[in-house]
C-alpha atoms as a PDB file:
ATOM      1  CA  MET A   1       0.000   0.000   0.000  1.00  0.00           C
ATOM      2  CA  GLY A   2       1.153   3.467  -0.725  1.00  0.00           C
ATOM      3  CA  LEU A   3       0.960   6.787   0.978  1.00  0.00           C
ATOM      4  CA  GLY A   4      -2.296   7.655  -0.784  1.00  0.00           C
ATOM      5  CA  THR A   5      -3.964   4.451   0.359  1.00  0.00           C
ATOM      6  CA  GLY A   6      -3.121   5.177   3.986  1.00  0.00           C
ATOM      7  CA  ILE A   7      -4.518   8.691   3.758  1.00  0.00           C
ATOM      8  CA  PHE A   8      -7.641   7.392   1.995  1.00  0.00           C
ATOM      9  CA  LEU A   9      -8.262   4.812   4.730  1.00  0.00           C
ATOM     10  CA  LEU A  10      -7.845   7.458   7.417  1.00  0.00           C
ATOM     11  CA  VAL A  11     -10.342   9.792   5.726  1.00  0.00           C
ATOM     12  CA  VAL A  12     -12.937   7.086   5.050  1.00  0.00           C
ATOM     13  CA  GLY A  13     -12.541   5.750   8.579  1.00  0.00           C
ATOM     14  CA  ALA A  14     -13.020   9.197  10.105  1.00  0.00           C
ATOM     15  CA  ILE A  15     -16.133   9.763   8.020  1.00  0.00           C
ATOM     16  CA  LEU A  16     -17.582   6.410   9.079  1.00  0.00           C
ATOM     17  CA  ALA A  17     -16.618   6.807  12.733  1.00  0.00           C
ATOM     18  CA  PHE A  18     -17.635  10.430  13.279  1.00  0.00           C
ATOM     19  CA  GLY A  19     -19.874  11.503  10.418  1.00  0.00           C
ATOM     20  CA  VAL A  20     -22.316   8.685   9.767  1.00  0.00           C
ATOM     21  CA  ARG A  21     -25.208   8.271  12.188  1.00  0.00           C
ATOM     22  CA  ASP A  22     -27.096   5.522  10.415  1.00  0.00           C
ATOM     23  CA  GLY A  23     -28.702   2.779  12.427  1.00  0.00           C
ATOM     24  CA  LEU A  24     -27.973  -0.574  10.805  1.00  0.00           C
ATOM     25  CA  THR A  25     -28.660  -3.556  13.018  1.00  0.00           C
ATOM     26  CA  ALA A  26     -26.162  -5.922  11.417  1.00  0.00           C
ATOM     27  CA  VAL A  27     -23.263  -3.496  10.854  1.00  0.00           C
ATOM     28  CA  ASP A  28     -21.564  -1.160  13.325  1.00  0.00           C
ATOM     29  CA  LEU A  29     -20.258   1.641  11.102  1.00  0.00           C
ATOM     30  CA  THR A  30     -18.434   3.312  13.979  1.00  0.00           C
ATOM     31  CA  ALA A  31     -16.358   0.180  14.597  1.00  0.00           C
ATOM     32  CA  ILE A  32     -15.644  -0.187  10.870  1.00  0.00           C
ATOM     33  CA  GLY A  33     -14.531   3.445  10.834  1.00  0.00           C
ATOM     34  CA  TRP A  34     -12.117   2.896  13.702  1.00  0.00           C
ATOM     35  CA  ILE A  35     -10.750  -0.227  11.995  1.00  0.00           C
ATOM     36  CA  CYS A  36     -10.204   1.719   8.759  1.00  0.00           C
ATOM     37  CA  MET A  37      -8.441   4.518  10.639  1.00  0.00           C
ATOM     38  CA  GLY A  38      -6.182   2.003  12.375  1.00  0.00           C
ATOM     39  CA  ALA A  39      -5.327   0.324   9.075  1.00  0.00           C
ATOM     40  CA  GLY A  40      -4.632   3.721   7.495  1.00  0.00           C
ATOM     41  CA  ALA A  41      -2.350   4.765  10.340  1.00  0.00           C
ATOM     42  CA  LEU A  42      -0.503   1.451  10.189  1.00  0.00           C
ATOM     43  CA  SER A  43      -0.134   1.831   6.425  1.00  0.00           C
ATOM     44  CA  LEU A  44       1.334   5.329   6.794  1.00  0.00           C
ATOM     45  CA  VAL A  45       3.804   4.177   9.447  1.00  0.00           C
ATOM     46  CA  LEU A  46       4.937   1.230   7.313  1.00  0.00           C
ATOM     47  CA  VAL A  47       5.305   3.323   4.149  1.00  0.00           C
ATOM     48  CA  LEU A  48       7.353   5.982   5.943  1.00  0.00           C
ATOM     49  CA  ALA A  49       9.538   3.403   7.723  1.00  0.00           C
ATOM     50  CA  LEU A  50      10.232   1.436   4.551  1.00  0.00           C
ATOM     51  CA  SER A  51      10.992   4.541   2.477  1.00  0.00           C
ATOM     52  CA  ARG A  52      13.388   5.780   5.167  1.00  0.00           C
ATOM     53  CA  ARG A  53      15.143   2.411   5.282  1.00  0.00           C
ATOM     54  CA  ARG A  54      15.394   2.344   1.494  1.00  0.00           C
ATOM     55  CA  ALA A  55      16.882   5.863   1.419  1.00  0.00           C
ATOM     56  CA  VAL A  56      19.472   5.037   4.091  1.00  0.00           C
ATOM     57  CA  SER A  57      20.549   1.712   2.602  1.00  0.00           C
ATOM     58  CA  SER A  58      20.956   2.873  -0.998  1.00  0.00           C
ATOM     59  CA  SER A  59      24.512   3.158  -2.244  1.00  0.00           C
ATOM     60  CA  THR A  60      26.345   3.790  -5.477  1.00  0.00           C
ATOM     61  CA  THR A  61      29.238   1.671  -6.691  1.00  0.00           C
ATOM     62  CA  TYR A  62      31.717   2.916  -9.256  1.00  0.00           C
ATOM     63  CA  VAL A  63      33.727   0.419 -11.267  1.00  0.00           C
ATOM     64  CA  GLU A  64      36.877   1.575 -13.010  1.00  0.00           C
ATOM     65  CA  ARG A  65      38.323  -0.694 -15.660  1.00  0.00           C
ATOM     66  CA  HIS A  66      42.024  -0.797 -16.580  1.00  0.00           C
ATOM     67  CA  ASP A  67      42.824  -2.769 -19.738  1.00  0.00           C
ATOM     68  CA  GLY A  68      46.333  -1.512 -20.235  1.00  0.00           C
ATOM     69  CA  VAL A  69      45.156   0.697 -23.121  1.00  0.00           C
ATOM     70  CA  PRO A  70      46.255   4.322 -22.722  1.00  0.00           C
ATOM     71  CA  PRO A  71      43.462   6.878 -22.505  1.00  0.00           C
ATOM     72  CA  GLY A  72      42.440   8.443 -25.798  1.00  0.00           C
ATOM     73  CA  ALA A  73      43.916   5.665 -27.909  1.00  0.00           C
END
């Protein structure tokens, strides 16, 4: 999941938890909203942690080749 997915889950979860006051007997929309917000927060934490780890662990290797041929020949 990406950064956008985490933000989307947070927004949808907040709308379900705080904005919807519908009375469905089989579904608790407030609980679903809290679950979506938790999944969105977890997604954001994982995306930020993995991108930080990727940025720290990246490296560049330079290879110089010597064939015995003088430069410019």
